[in-house]
């Protein structure tokens, strides 16, 4: 099986409504968005790396600029929410 064929299988799996929910769960539970991990947290780093491998298969690793653009486009659609404790006071 080629790398492209395997990527298509990943997308067929994770880009269904159910697969998207699983992917969200994996991203959150495996610290994908945490960039403050240290070497001492090797188990957590290992979990994060496993999810990074999934994201890599779902992205366009051969043309990373396309993936970066897609991420930026996605972030643009996320609403800005400010927690009450983060609001500026005058």
PDB file of N, CA and C in Angstrom:
ATOM      1  N   UNK A   1       0.853  -1.179   0.000  1.00  0.00           N
ATOM      2  CA  UNK A   1       0.000   0.000   0.000  1.00  0.00           C
ATOM      3  C   UNK A   1       0.895   1.237   0.000  1.00  0.00           C
ATOM      4  N   UNK A   2       0.548   2.213  -0.808  1.00  0.00           N
ATOM      5  CA  UNK A   2       1.331   3.444  -0.870  1.00  0.00           C
ATOM      6  C   UNK A   2       0.963   4.373   0.282  1.00  0.00           C
ATOM      7  N   UNK A   3       1.825   5.351   0.505  1.00  0.00           N
ATOM      8  CA  UNK A   3       1.566   6.341   1.552  1.00  0.00           C
ATOM      9  C   UNK A   3       0.282   7.117   1.248  1.00  0.00           C
ATOM     10  N   UNK A   4       0.068   7.439  -0.004  1.00  0.00           N
ATOM     11  CA  UNK A   4      -1.148   8.159  -0.400  1.00  0.00           C
ATOM     12  C   UNK A   4      -2.395   7.319  -0.115  1.00  0.00           C
ATOM     13  N   UNK A   5      -2.346   6.037  -0.429  1.00  0.00           N
ATOM     14  CA  UNK A   5      -3.482   5.151  -0.144  1.00  0.00           C
ATOM     15  C   UNK A   5      -3.752   5.084   1.357  1.00  0.00           C
ATOM     16  N   UNK A   6      -2.685   5.005   2.153  1.00  0.00           N
ATOM     17  CA  UNK A   6      -2.869   4.953   3.602  1.00  0.00           C
ATOM     18  C   UNK A   6      -3.463   6.256   4.112  1.00  0.00           C
ATOM     19  N   UNK A   7      -3.025   7.390   3.581  1.00  0.00           N
ATOM     20  CA  UNK A   7      -3.607   8.671   3.980  1.00  0.00           C
ATOM     21  C   UNK A   7      -5.094   8.717   3.636  1.00  0.00           C
ATOM     22  N   UNK A   8      -5.462   8.154   2.499  1.00  0.00           N
ATOM     23  CA  UNK A   8      -6.877   8.126   2.119  1.00  0.00           C
ATOM     24  C   UNK A   8      -7.681   7.288   3.116  1.00  0.00           C
ATOM     25  N   UNK A   9      -7.103   6.200   3.599  1.00  0.00           N
ATOM     26  CA  UNK A   9      -7.782   5.387   4.613  1.00  0.00           C
ATOM     27  C   UNK A   9      -7.955   6.176   5.916  1.00  0.00           C
ATOM     28  N   UNK A  10      -6.908   6.899   6.324  1.00  0.00           N
ATOM     29  CA  UNK A  10      -7.018   7.733   7.521  1.00  0.00           C
ATOM     30  C   UNK A  10      -8.137   8.752   7.360  1.00  0.00           C
ATOM     31  N   UNK A  11      -8.177   9.401   6.208  1.00  0.00           N
ATOM     32  CA  UNK A  11      -9.217  10.413   5.980  1.00  0.00           C
ATOM     33  C   UNK A  11     -10.606   9.779   5.928  1.00  0.00           C
ATOM     34  N   UNK A  12     -10.722   8.622   5.328  1.00  0.00           N
ATOM     35  CA  UNK A  12     -12.015   7.926   5.292  1.00  0.00           C
ATOM     36  C   UNK A  12     -12.487   7.576   6.700  1.00  0.00           C
ATOM     37  N   UNK A  13     -11.544   7.327   7.570  1.00  0.00           N
ATOM     38  CA  UNK A  13     -11.875   6.973   8.954  1.00  0.00           C
ATOM     39  C   UNK A  13     -12.185   8.201   9.796  1.00  0.00           C
ATOM     40  N   UNK A  14     -11.292   9.187   9.780  1.00  0.00           N
ATOM     41  CA  UNK A  14     -11.406  10.310  10.710  1.00  0.00           C
ATOM     42  C   UNK A  14     -12.240  11.470  10.207  1.00  0.00           C
ATOM     43  N   UNK A  15     -12.568  11.533   8.940  1.00  0.00           N
ATOM     44  CA  UNK A  15     -13.357  12.646   8.437  1.00  0.00           C
ATOM     45  C   UNK A  15     -14.832  12.302   8.260  1.00  0.00           C
ATOM     46  N   UNK A  16     -15.284  11.257   8.923  1.00  0.00           N
ATOM     47  CA  UNK A  16     -16.719  10.986   9.037  1.00  0.00           C
ATOM     48  C   UNK A  16     -17.192  11.728  10.288  1.00  0.00           C
ATOM     49  N   UNK A  17     -18.492  11.926  10.468  1.00  0.00           N
ATOM     50  CA  UNK A  17     -18.949  12.582  11.703  1.00  0.00           C
ATOM     51  C   UNK A  17     -18.471  11.849  12.969  1.00  0.00           C
ATOM     52  N   UNK A  18     -18.555  10.549  12.987  1.00  0.00           N
ATOM     53  CA  UNK A  18     -18.103   9.777  14.142  1.00  0.00           C
ATOM     54  C   UNK A  18     -16.580   9.855  14.299  1.00  0.00           C
ATOM     55  N   UNK A  19     -15.871   9.759  13.188  1.00  0.00           N
ATOM     56  CA  UNK A  19     -14.414   9.839  13.216  1.00  0.00           C
ATOM     57  C   UNK A  19     -13.919  11.183  13.704  1.00  0.00           C
ATOM     58  N   UNK A  20     -14.616  12.253  13.344  1.00  0.00           N
ATOM     59  CA  UNK A  20     -14.244  13.595  13.819  1.00  0.00           C
ATOM     60  C   UNK A  20     -14.370  13.684  15.333  1.00  0.00           C
ATOM     61  N   UNK A  21     -15.422  13.077  15.879  1.00  0.00           N
ATOM     62  CA  UNK A  21     -15.594  13.077  17.337  1.00  0.00           C
ATOM     63  C   UNK A  21     -14.468  12.299  18.021  1.00  0.00           C
ATOM     64  N   UNK A  22     -14.100  11.172  17.442  1.00  0.00           N
ATOM     65  CA  UNK A  22     -12.992  10.376  17.988  1.00  0.00           C
ATOM     66  C   UNK A  22     -11.695  11.175  17.899  1.00  0.00           C
ATOM     67  N   UNK A  23     -11.460  11.826  16.772  1.00  0.00           N
ATOM     68  CA  UNK A  23     -10.239  12.610  16.605  1.00  0.00           C
ATOM     69  C   UNK A  23     -10.177  13.748  17.620  1.00  0.00           C
ATOM     70  N   UNK A  24     -11.282  14.446  17.827  1.00  0.00           N
ATOM     71  CA  UNK A  24     -11.313  15.505  18.840  1.00  0.00           C
ATOM     72  C   UNK A  24     -10.965  14.949  20.208  1.00  0.00           C
ATOM     73  N   UNK A  25     -11.548  13.812  20.542  1.00  0.00           N
ATOM     74  CA  UNK A  25     -11.289  13.170  21.824  1.00  0.00           C
ATOM     75  C   UNK A  25      -9.804  12.810  21.963  1.00  0.00           C
ATOM     76  N   UNK A  26      -9.230  12.241  20.904  1.00  0.00           N
ATOM     77  CA  UNK A  26      -7.811  11.880  20.926  1.00  0.00           C
ATOM     78  C   UNK A  26      -6.924  13.113  21.092  1.00  0.00           C
ATOM     79  N   UNK A  27      -7.246  14.184  20.389  1.00  0.00           N
ATOM     80  CA  UNK A  27      -6.456  15.406  20.474  1.00  0.00           C
ATOM     81  C   UNK A  27      -6.472  15.970  21.890  1.00  0.00           C
ATOM     82  N   UNK A  28      -7.630  15.997  22.495  1.00  0.00           N
ATOM     83  CA  UNK A  28      -7.753  16.568  23.836  1.00  0.00           C
ATOM     84  C   UNK A  28      -7.128  15.659  24.891  1.00  0.00           C
ATOM     85  N   UNK A  29      -7.459  14.386  24.872  1.00  0.00           N
ATOM     86  CA  UNK A  29      -6.987  13.463  25.917  1.00  0.00           C
ATOM     87  C   UNK A  29      -5.500  13.133  25.812  1.00  0.00           C
ATOM     88  N   UNK A  30      -4.895  13.393  24.671  1.00  0.00           N
ATOM     89  CA  UNK A  30      -3.483  13.060  24.494  1.00  0.00           C
ATOM     90  C   UNK A  30      -2.610  14.304  24.355  1.00  0.00           C
ATOM     91  N   UNK A  31      -3.100  15.414  24.922  1.00  0.00           N
ATOM     92  CA  UNK A  31      -2.286  16.612  25.122  1.00  0.00           C
ATOM     93  C   UNK A  31      -1.762  17.242  23.830  1.00  0.00           C
ATOM     94  N   UNK A  32      -2.500  17.090  22.749  1.00  0.00           N
ATOM     95  CA  UNK A  32      -2.042  17.614  21.461  1.00  0.00           C
ATOM     96  C   UNK A  32      -1.791  19.117  21.510  1.00  0.00           C
ATOM     97  N   UNK A  33      -2.615  19.841  22.245  1.00  0.00           N
ATOM     98  CA  UNK A  33      -2.519  21.296  22.267  1.00  0.00           C
ATOM     99  C   UNK A  33      -1.620  21.825  23.382  1.00  0.00           C
ATOM    100  N   UNK A  34      -0.962  20.936  24.118  1.00  0.00           N
ATOM    101  CA  UNK A  34      -0.098  21.331  25.222  1.00  0.00           C
ATOM    102  C   UNK A  34       1.341  21.378  24.734  1.00  0.00           C
ATOM    103  N   UNK A  35       1.918  22.550  24.745  1.00  0.00           N
ATOM    104  CA  UNK A  35       3.305  22.680  24.305  1.00  0.00           C
ATOM    105  C   UNK A  35       4.263  22.907  25.473  1.00  0.00           C
ATOM    106  N   UNK A  36       3.793  22.672  26.680  1.00  0.00           N
ATOM    107  CA  UNK A  36       4.617  22.870  27.875  1.00  0.00           C
ATOM    108  C   UNK A  36       5.097  21.553  28.464  1.00  0.00           C
ATOM    109  N   UNK A  37       5.183  20.512  27.670  1.00  0.00           N
ATOM    110  CA  UNK A  37       5.600  19.214  28.182  1.00  0.00           C
ATOM    111  C   UNK A  37       7.119  19.168  28.323  1.00  0.00           C
ATOM    112  N   UNK A  38       7.575  18.463  29.346  1.00  0.00           N
ATOM    113  CA  UNK A  38       9.010  18.325  29.588  1.00  0.00           C
ATOM    114  C   UNK A  38       9.430  16.882  29.336  1.00  0.00           C
ATOM    115  N   UNK A  39      10.727  16.667  29.294  1.00  0.00           N
ATOM    116  CA  UNK A  39      11.268  15.324  29.057  1.00  0.00           C
ATOM    117  C   UNK A  39      10.819  14.355  30.152  1.00  0.00           C
ATOM    118  N   UNK A  40      10.658  14.854  31.355  1.00  0.00           N
ATOM    119  CA  UNK A  40      10.228  14.007  32.469  1.00  0.00           C
ATOM    120  C   UNK A  40       8.822  13.450  32.272  1.00  0.00           C
ATOM    121  N   UNK A  41       8.064  14.042  31.395  1.00  0.00           N
ATOM    122  CA  UNK A  41       6.689  13.608  31.127  1.00  0.00           C
ATOM    123  C   UNK A  41       6.672  12.659  29.932  1.00  0.00           C
ATOM    124  N   UNK A  42       7.563  11.691  29.916  1.00  0.00           N
ATOM    125  CA  UNK A  42       7.752  10.852  28.740  1.00  0.00           C
ATOM    126  C   UNK A  42       6.494  10.097  28.317  1.00  0.00           C
ATOM    127  N   UNK A  43       5.681   9.651  29.268  1.00  0.00           N
ATOM    128  CA  UNK A  43       4.451   8.939  28.903  1.00  0.00           C
ATOM    129  C   UNK A  43       3.492   9.872  28.172  1.00  0.00           C
ATOM    130  N   UNK A  44       3.359  11.085  28.671  1.00  0.00           N
ATOM    131  CA  UNK A  44       2.470  12.059  28.038  1.00  0.00           C
ATOM    132  C   UNK A  44       3.021  12.462  26.671  1.00  0.00           C
ATOM    133  N   UNK A  45       4.337  12.666  26.582  1.00  0.00           N
ATOM    134  CA  UNK A  45       4.964  13.017  25.308  1.00  0.00           C
ATOM    135  C   UNK A  45       4.734  11.901  24.288  1.00  0.00           C
ATOM    136  N   UNK A  46       4.816  10.652  24.732  1.00  0.00           N
ATOM    137  CA  UNK A  46       4.560   9.524  23.839  1.00  0.00           C
ATOM    138  C   UNK A  46       3.134   9.532  23.315  1.00  0.00           C
ATOM    139  N   UNK A  47       2.168   9.826  24.186  1.00  0.00           N
ATOM    140  CA  UNK A  47       0.771   9.916  23.750  1.00  0.00           C
ATOM    141  C   UNK A  47       0.598  11.046  22.747  1.00  0.00           C
ATOM    142  N   UNK A  48       1.218  12.177  23.048  1.00  0.00           N
ATOM    143  CA  UNK A  48       1.121  13.324  22.151  1.00  0.00           C
ATOM    144  C   UNK A  48       1.726  12.995  20.784  1.00  0.00           C
ATOM    145  N   UNK A  49       2.852  12.302  20.786  1.00  0.00           N
ATOM    146  CA  UNK A  49       3.501  11.947  19.520  1.00  0.00           C
ATOM    147  C   UNK A  49       2.642  10.996  18.687  1.00  0.00           C
ATOM    148  N   UNK A  50       1.921  10.096  19.353  1.00  0.00           N
ATOM    149  CA  UNK A  50       1.042   9.180  18.623  1.00  0.00           C
ATOM    150  C   UNK A  50      -0.061   9.953  17.904  1.00  0.00           C
ATOM    151  N   UNK A  51      -0.621  10.948  18.583  1.00  0.00           N
ATOM    152  CA  UNK A  51      -1.670  11.756  17.963  1.00  0.00           C
ATOM    153  C   UNK A  51      -1.081  12.640  16.869  1.00  0.00           C
ATOM    154  N   UNK A  52       0.136  13.115  17.064  1.00  0.00           N
ATOM    155  CA  UNK A  52       0.793  13.902  16.015  1.00  0.00           C
ATOM    156  C   UNK A  52       0.978  13.061  14.749  1.00  0.00           C
ATOM    157  N   UNK A  53       1.242  11.781  14.913  1.00  0.00           N
ATOM    158  CA  UNK A  53       1.389  10.893  13.752  1.00  0.00           C
ATOM    159  C   UNK A  53       0.067  10.778  12.997  1.00  0.00           C
ATOM    160  N   UNK A  54      -1.037  10.709  13.730  1.00  0.00           N
ATOM    161  CA  UNK A  54      -2.360  10.662  13.090  1.00  0.00           C
ATOM    162  C   UNK A  54      -2.612  11.960  12.328  1.00  0.00           C
ATOM    163  N   UNK A  55      -2.351  13.082  12.968  1.00  0.00           N
ATOM    164  CA  UNK A  55      -2.552  14.383  12.324  1.00  0.00           C
ATOM    165  C   UNK A  55      -1.678  14.498  11.080  1.00  0.00           C
ATOM    166  N   UNK A  56      -0.456  13.999  11.166  1.00  0.00           N
ATOM    167  CA  UNK A  56       0.440  14.022  10.013  1.00  0.00           C
ATOM    168  C   UNK A  56      -0.147  13.236   8.848  1.00  0.00           C
ATOM    169  N   UNK A  57      -0.747  12.088   9.131  1.00  0.00           N
ATOM    170  CA  UNK A  57      -1.350  11.281   8.066  1.00  0.00           C
ATOM    171  C   UNK A  57      -2.581  11.961   7.472  1.00  0.00           C
ATOM    172  N   UNK A  58      -3.281  12.749   8.269  1.00  0.00           N
ATOM    173  CA  UNK A  58      -4.475  13.442   7.782  1.00  0.00           C
ATOM    174  C   UNK A  58      -4.135  14.717   7.024  1.00  0.00           C
ATOM    175  N   UNK A  59      -2.936  15.233   7.241  1.00  0.00           N
ATOM    176  CA  UNK A  59      -2.546  16.498   6.618  1.00  0.00           C
ATOM    177  C   UNK A  59      -1.844  16.251   5.295  1.00  0.00           C
ATOM    178  N   UNK A  60      -1.367  17.321   4.748  1.00  0.00           N
ATOM    179  CA  UNK A  60      -0.644  17.233   3.487  1.00  0.00           C
ATOM    180  C   UNK A  60       0.837  17.406   3.797  1.00  0.00           C
ATOM    181  N   UNK A  61       1.449  16.368   4.358  1.00  0.00           N
ATOM    182  CA  UNK A  61       2.835  16.454   4.815  1.00  0.00           C
ATOM    183  C   UNK A  61       3.810  16.737   3.680  1.00  0.00           C
ATOM    184  N   UNK A  62       3.461  16.357   2.463  1.00  0.00           N
ATOM    185  CA  UNK A  62       4.350  16.607   1.337  1.00  0.00           C
ATOM    186  C   UNK A  62       4.324  18.069   0.890  1.00  0.00           C
ATOM    187  N   UNK A  63       3.269  18.772   1.291  1.00  0.00           N
ATOM    188  CA  UNK A  63       3.159  20.204   0.999  1.00  0.00           C
ATOM    189  C   UNK A  63       2.660  20.889   2.274  1.00  0.00           C
ATOM    190  N   UNK A  64       3.540  21.041   3.270  1.00  0.00           N
ATOM    191  CA  UNK A  64       3.105  21.550   4.578  1.00  0.00           C
ATOM    192  C   UNK A  64       2.448  22.920   4.529  1.00  0.00           C
ATOM    193  N   UNK A  65       2.777  23.718   3.509  1.00  0.00           N
ATOM    194  CA  UNK A  65       2.151  25.038   3.431  1.00  0.00           C
ATOM    195  C   UNK A  65       0.638  24.925   3.245  1.00  0.00           C
ATOM    196  N   UNK A  66       0.162  23.859   2.587  1.00  0.00           N
ATOM    197  CA  UNK A  66      -1.278  23.649   2.439  1.00  0.00           C
ATOM    198  C   UNK A  66      -1.912  23.336   3.793  1.00  0.00           C
ATOM    199  N   UNK A  67      -1.233  22.530   4.600  1.00  0.00           N
ATOM    200  CA  UNK A  67      -1.736  22.206   5.926  1.00  0.00           C
ATOM    201  C   UNK A  67      -1.777  23.452   6.800  1.00  0.00           C
ATOM    202  N   UNK A  68      -0.717  24.255   6.757  1.00  0.00           N
ATOM    203  CA  UNK A  68      -0.665  25.486   7.551  1.00  0.00           C
ATOM    204  C   UNK A  68      -1.810  26.414   7.150  1.00  0.00           C
ATOM    205  N   UNK A  69      -2.044  26.564   5.860  1.00  0.00           N
ATOM    206  CA  UNK A  69      -3.144  27.417   5.393  1.00  0.00           C
ATOM    207  C   UNK A  69      -4.490  26.889   5.880  1.00  0.00           C
ATOM    208  N   UNK A  70      -4.681  25.582   5.848  1.00  0.00           N
ATOM    209  CA  UNK A  70      -5.935  24.989   6.302  1.00  0.00           C
ATOM    210  C   UNK A  70      -6.131  25.230   7.799  1.00  0.00           C
ATOM    211  N   UNK A  71      -5.062  25.121   8.569  1.00  0.00           N
ATOM    212  CA  UNK A  71      -5.153  25.370  10.015  1.00  0.00           C
ATOM    213  C   UNK A  71      -5.498  26.830  10.275  1.00  0.00           C
ATOM    214  N   UNK A  72      -4.848  27.732   9.556  1.00  0.00           N
ATOM    215  CA  UNK A  72      -5.142  29.158   9.731  1.00  0.00           C
ATOM    216  C   UNK A  72      -6.588  29.451   9.343  1.00  0.00           C
ATOM    217  N   UNK A  73      -7.057  28.884   8.245  1.00  0.00           N
ATOM    218  CA  UNK A  73      -8.450  29.065   7.835  1.00  0.00           C
ATOM    219  C   UNK A  73      -9.398  28.559   8.918  1.00  0.00           C
ATOM    220  N   UNK A  74      -9.064  27.418   9.519  1.00  0.00           N
ATOM    221  CA  UNK A  74      -9.898  26.859  10.580  1.00  0.00           C
ATOM    222  C   UNK A  74      -9.913  27.741  11.818  1.00  0.00           C
ATOM    223  N   UNK A  75      -8.747  28.276  12.199  1.00  0.00           N
ATOM    224  CA  UNK A  75      -8.674  29.133  13.385  1.00  0.00           C
ATOM    225  C   UNK A  75      -9.473  30.405  13.188  1.00  0.00           C
ATOM    226  N   UNK A  76      -9.507  30.889  11.971  1.00  0.00           N
ATOM    227  CA  UNK A  76     -10.239  32.113  11.676  1.00  0.00           C
ATOM    228  C   UNK A  76     -11.736  31.945  11.961  1.00  0.00           C
ATOM    229  N   UNK A  77     -12.220  30.720  11.862  1.00  0.00           N
ATOM    230  CA  UNK A  77     -13.650  30.450  12.061  1.00  0.00           C
ATOM    231  C   UNK A  77     -14.012  30.228  13.532  1.00  0.00           C
ATOM    232  N   UNK A  78     -13.002  30.071  14.388  1.00  0.00           N
ATOM    233  CA  UNK A  78     -13.257  29.826  15.807  1.00  0.00           C
ATOM    234  C   UNK A  78     -13.639  31.143  16.471  1.00  0.00           C
ATOM    235  N   UNK A  79     -14.768  31.171  17.207  1.00  0.00           N
ATOM    236  CA  UNK A  79     -15.161  32.426  17.856  1.00  0.00           C
ATOM    237  C   UNK A  79     -14.203  32.783  18.991  1.00  0.00           C
ATOM    238  N   UNK A  80     -14.020  34.062  19.200  1.00  0.00           N
ATOM    239  CA  UNK A  80     -13.199  34.522  20.313  1.00  0.00           C
ATOM    240  C   UNK A  80     -14.042  34.529  21.576  1.00  0.00           C
ATOM    241  N   UNK A  81     -13.574  33.838  22.567  1.00  0.00           N
ATOM    242  CA  UNK A  81     -14.277  33.782  23.845  1.00  0.00           C
ATOM    243  C   UNK A  81     -13.297  34.235  24.915  1.00  0.00           C
ATOM    244  N   UNK A  82     -13.717  35.176  25.733  1.00  0.00           N
ATOM    245  CA  UNK A  82     -12.869  35.680  26.811  1.00  0.00           C
ATOM    246  C   UNK A  82     -13.470  35.223  28.120  1.00  0.00           C
ATOM    247  N   UNK A  83     -12.648  34.567  28.936  1.00  0.00           N
ATOM    248  CA  UNK A  83     -13.105  34.170  30.272  1.00  0.00           C
ATOM    249  C   UNK A  83     -13.237  35.418  31.125  1.00  0.00           C
ATOM    250  N   UNK A  84     -14.204  35.436  32.022  1.00  0.00           N
ATOM    251  CA  UNK A  84     -14.410  36.645  32.849  1.00  0.00           C
ATOM    252  C   UNK A  84     -13.122  37.100  33.559  1.00  0.00           C
ATOM    253  N   UNK A  85     -12.315  36.167  34.034  1.00  0.00           N
ATOM    254  CA  UNK A  85     -11.102  36.559  34.742  1.00  0.00           C
ATOM    255  C   UNK A  85     -10.026  37.137  33.829  1.00  0.00           C
ATOM    256  N   UNK A  86     -10.213  36.982  32.514  1.00  0.00           N
ATOM    257  CA  UNK A  86      -9.243  37.517  31.554  1.00  0.00           C
ATOM    258  C   UNK A  86      -9.657  38.882  30.997  1.00  0.00           C
ATOM    259  N   UNK A  87     -10.859  39.308  31.337  1.00  0.00           N
ATOM    260  CA  UNK A  87     -11.338  40.587  30.824  1.00  0.00           C
ATOM    261  C   UNK A  87     -10.544  41.724  31.447  1.00  0.00           C
ATOM    262  N   UNK A  88     -10.272  42.724  30.633  1.00  0.00           N
ATOM    263  CA  UNK A  88      -9.557  43.897  31.127  1.00  0.00           C
ATOM    264  C   UNK A  88     -10.506  44.741  31.940  1.00  0.00           C
ATOM    265  N   UNK A  89      -9.987  45.299  32.998  1.00  0.00           N
ATOM    266  CA  UNK A  89     -10.789  46.232  33.795  1.00  0.00           C
ATOM    267  C   UNK A  89     -10.143  47.594  33.723  1.00  0.00           C
ATOM    268  N   UNK A  90     -10.969  48.595  33.708  1.00  0.00           N
ATOM    269  CA  UNK A  90     -10.447  49.982  33.639  1.00  0.00           C
ATOM    270  C   UNK A  90     -10.477  50.628  34.982  1.00  0.00           C
TER     271      UNK A  90
END
